Amino acid sequence: MNEQEQLVIMQLIMAGGNAKGSSFEAIKAAKVGDFSTAEAKLKEADSFLSDAHNAQTGMLTEEAQGKKHPVSLLMVHGQDHVMNAITFRDLAGEIVDLYKKLATK
């Protein structure tokens, strides 16, 4: 694995972690009724996930063009972070919506 591949993997790990953190902050904000902050944090999470997606797309494009990327434990770890962040972001959106509904009752 070369330095550029390691950099992309670290981008995946960081973007996934940041997205999950922003999603959790959205839930915390919604819990106390701060829905504007909750929505902003969900958008922030989406931005981090977009960064991760762009990093993945670059690697997938290279792979489609014939450049092989080694599958390492670090790569799997990076992909795990992104997948967990996507799932957590989806659930955070649902939880924020539930808090909004509870606030109107």
C-alpha atoms as a PDB file:
ATOM      1  CA  MET A   1       0.000   0.000   0.000  1.00  0.00           C
ATOM      2  CA  ASN A   2       1.430   3.354  -0.986  1.00  0.00           C
ATOM      3  CA  GLU A   3       1.255   6.647   0.871  1.00  0.00           C
ATOM      4  CA  GLN A   4      -1.601   8.001  -1.287  1.00  0.00           C
ATOM      5  CA  GLU A   5      -3.737   4.929  -0.562  1.00  0.00           C
ATOM      6  CA  GLN A   6      -3.042   5.308   3.152  1.00  0.00           C
ATOM      7  CA  LEU A   7      -4.074   8.957   2.943  1.00  0.00           C
ATOM      8  CA  VAL A   8      -7.386   8.059   1.298  1.00  0.00           C
ATOM      9  CA  ILE A   9      -8.063   5.420   3.946  1.00  0.00           C
ATOM     10  CA  MET A  10      -7.354   7.918   6.714  1.00  0.00           C
ATOM     11  CA  GLN A  11      -9.766  10.334   5.016  1.00  0.00           C
ATOM     12  CA  LEU A  12     -12.434   7.622   5.163  1.00  0.00           C
ATOM     13  CA  ILE A  13     -11.793   7.013   8.855  1.00  0.00           C
ATOM     14  CA  MET A  14     -11.814  10.712   9.726  1.00  0.00           C
ATOM     15  CA  ALA A  15     -14.859  11.563   7.623  1.00  0.00           C
ATOM     16  CA  GLY A  16     -16.781   8.607   9.050  1.00  0.00           C
ATOM     17  CA  GLY A  17     -15.882   9.538  12.614  1.00  0.00           C
ATOM     18  CA  ASN A  18     -16.763  13.181  12.066  1.00  0.00           C
ATOM     19  CA  ALA A  19     -20.094  12.274  10.456  1.00  0.00           C
ATOM     20  CA  LYS A  20     -21.001  10.003  13.344  1.00  0.00           C
ATOM     21  CA  GLY A  21     -20.021  12.683  15.852  1.00  0.00           C
ATOM     22  CA  SER A  22     -22.134  15.324  14.116  1.00  0.00           C
ATOM     23  CA  SER A  23     -25.067  12.916  13.976  1.00  0.00           C
ATOM     24  CA  PHE A  24     -24.800  12.289  17.702  1.00  0.00           C
ATOM     25  CA  GLU A  25     -24.679  16.042  18.347  1.00  0.00           C
ATOM     26  CA  ALA A  26     -27.877  16.360  16.287  1.00  0.00           C
ATOM     27  CA  ILE A  27     -29.625  13.860  18.545  1.00  0.00           C
ATOM     28  CA  LYS A  28     -28.436  15.683  21.663  1.00  0.00           C
ATOM     29  CA  ALA A  29     -29.664  19.015  20.295  1.00  0.00           C
ATOM     30  CA  ALA A  30     -33.059  17.572  19.371  1.00  0.00           C
ATOM     31  CA  LYS A  31     -33.383  16.026  22.817  1.00  0.00           C
ATOM     32  CA  VAL A  32     -33.352  19.507  24.377  1.00  0.00           C
ATOM     33  CA  GLY A  33     -35.616  20.967  21.674  1.00  0.00           C
ATOM     34  CA  ASP A  34     -32.926  22.801  19.686  1.00  0.00           C
ATOM     35  CA  PHE A  35     -34.116  21.663  16.287  1.00  0.00           C
ATOM     36  CA  SER A  36     -32.272  24.273  14.245  1.00  0.00           C
ATOM     37  CA  THR A  37     -28.968  23.036  15.671  1.00  0.00           C
ATOM     38  CA  ALA A  38     -30.081  19.442  15.150  1.00  0.00           C
ATOM     39  CA  GLU A  39     -30.790  20.098  11.470  1.00  0.00           C
ATOM     40  CA  ALA A  40     -27.483  21.938  11.062  1.00  0.00           C
ATOM     41  CA  LYS A  41     -25.618  19.017  12.613  1.00  0.00           C
ATOM     42  CA  LEU A  42     -27.361  16.553  10.297  1.00  0.00           C
ATOM     43  CA  LYS A  43     -26.301  18.676   7.324  1.00  0.00           C
ATOM     44  CA  GLU A  44     -22.773  18.751   8.712  1.00  0.00           C
ATOM     45  CA  ALA A  45     -22.838  14.951   8.948  1.00  0.00           C
ATOM     46  CA  ASP A  46     -24.028  14.791   5.339  1.00  0.00           C
ATOM     47  CA  SER A  47     -21.086  16.956   4.301  1.00  0.00           C
ATOM     48  CA  PHE A  48     -18.620  14.631   6.028  1.00  0.00           C
ATOM     49  CA  LEU A  49     -20.280  11.637   4.370  1.00  0.00           C
ATOM     50  CA  SER A  50     -19.972  13.388   1.023  1.00  0.00           C
ATOM     51  CA  ASP A  51     -16.232  13.757   1.659  1.00  0.00           C
ATOM     52  CA  ALA A  52     -16.012  10.031   2.384  1.00  0.00           C
ATOM     53  CA  HIS A  53     -18.031   9.224  -0.728  1.00  0.00           C
ATOM     54  CA  ASN A  54     -15.697  11.329  -2.865  1.00  0.00           C
ATOM     55  CA  ALA A  55     -12.663   9.486  -1.481  1.00  0.00           C
ATOM     56  CA  GLN A  56     -14.326   6.136  -2.186  1.00  0.00           C
ATOM     57  CA  THR A  57     -15.337   7.200  -5.686  1.00  0.00           C
ATOM     58  CA  GLY A  58     -11.769   8.107  -6.535  1.00  0.00           C
ATOM     59  CA  MET A  59     -10.554   4.668  -5.525  1.00  0.00           C
ATOM     60  CA  LEU A  60     -13.422   2.930  -7.327  1.00  0.00           C
ATOM     61  CA  THR A  61     -12.718   4.895 -10.502  1.00  0.00           C
ATOM     62  CA  GLU A  62      -9.055   3.908 -10.382  1.00  0.00           C
ATOM     63  CA  GLU A  63     -10.037   0.284  -9.788  1.00  0.00           C
ATOM     64  CA  ALA A  64     -12.377   0.377 -12.798  1.00  0.00           C
ATOM     65  CA  GLN A  65      -9.511   1.737 -14.885  1.00  0.00           C
ATOM     66  CA  GLY A  66      -7.355  -1.245 -13.966  1.00  0.00           C
ATOM     67  CA  LYS A  67      -5.363   0.085 -11.021  1.00  0.00           C
ATOM     68  CA  LYS A  68      -5.528  -2.487  -8.256  1.00  0.00           C
ATOM     69  CA  HIS A  69      -5.786  -1.376  -4.641  1.00  0.00           C
ATOM     70  CA  PRO A  70      -4.715  -3.840  -1.967  1.00  0.00           C
ATOM     71  CA  VAL A  71      -7.399  -4.850   0.490  1.00  0.00           C
ATOM     72  CA  SER A  72      -5.825  -4.428   3.894  1.00  0.00           C
ATOM     73  CA  LEU A  73      -7.138  -4.482   7.428  1.00  0.00           C
ATOM     74  CA  LEU A  74      -6.749  -0.695   7.430  1.00  0.00           C
ATOM     75  CA  MET A  75      -8.925  -0.416   4.300  1.00  0.00           C
ATOM     76  CA  VAL A  76     -11.591  -2.627   5.852  1.00  0.00           C
ATOM     77  CA  HIS A  77     -11.444  -0.512   9.006  1.00  0.00           C
ATOM     78  CA  GLY A  78     -11.948   2.662   6.959  1.00  0.00           C
ATOM     79  CA  GLN A  79     -14.921   1.180   5.129  1.00  0.00           C
ATOM     80  CA  ASP A  80     -16.399   0.030   8.451  1.00  0.00           C
ATOM     81  CA  HIS A  81     -16.219   3.587   9.769  1.00  0.00           C
ATOM     82  CA  VAL A  82     -18.027   4.924   6.727  1.00  0.00           C
ATOM     83  CA  MET A  83     -20.759   2.263   6.772  1.00  0.00           C
ATOM     84  CA  ASN A  84     -21.368   2.763  10.492  1.00  0.00           C
ATOM     85  CA  ALA A  85     -21.509   6.524  10.005  1.00  0.00           C
ATOM     86  CA  ILE A  86     -24.061   6.180   7.200  1.00  0.00           C
ATOM     87  CA  THR A  87     -26.275   3.961   9.338  1.00  0.00           C
ATOM     88  CA  PHE A  88     -25.899   6.221  12.371  1.00  0.00           C
ATOM     89  CA  ARG A  89     -26.732   9.305  10.277  1.00  0.00           C
ATOM     90  CA  ASP A  90     -29.895   7.661   8.966  1.00  0.00           C
ATOM     91  CA  LEU A  91     -30.995   6.716  12.467  1.00  0.00           C
ATOM     92  CA  ALA A  92     -30.123  10.168  13.827  1.00  0.00           C
ATOM     93  CA  GLY A  93     -32.425  11.730  11.244  1.00  0.00           C
ATOM     94  CA  GLU A  94     -35.259   9.482  12.379  1.00  0.00           C
ATOM     95  CA  ILE A  95     -34.601  10.237  16.056  1.00  0.00           C
ATOM     96  CA  VAL A  96     -34.562  13.986  15.396  1.00  0.00           C
ATOM     97  CA  ASP A  97     -37.918  13.613  13.605  1.00  0.00           C
ATOM     98  CA  LEU A  98     -39.332  11.720  16.593  1.00  0.00           C
ATOM     99  CA  TYR A  99     -38.211  14.446  18.996  1.00  0.00           C
ATOM    100  CA  LYS A 100     -39.891  17.029  16.747  1.00  0.00           C
ATOM    101  CA  LYS A 101     -43.151  15.092  16.848  1.00  0.00           C
ATOM    102  CA  LEU A 102     -42.964  14.745  20.618  1.00  0.00           C
ATOM    103  CA  ALA A 103     -42.374  18.481  20.955  1.00  0.00           C
ATOM    104  CA  THR A 104     -45.614  19.280  19.114  1.00  0.00           C
ATOM    105  CA  LYS A 105     -47.770  17.206  21.466  1.00  0.00           C
END
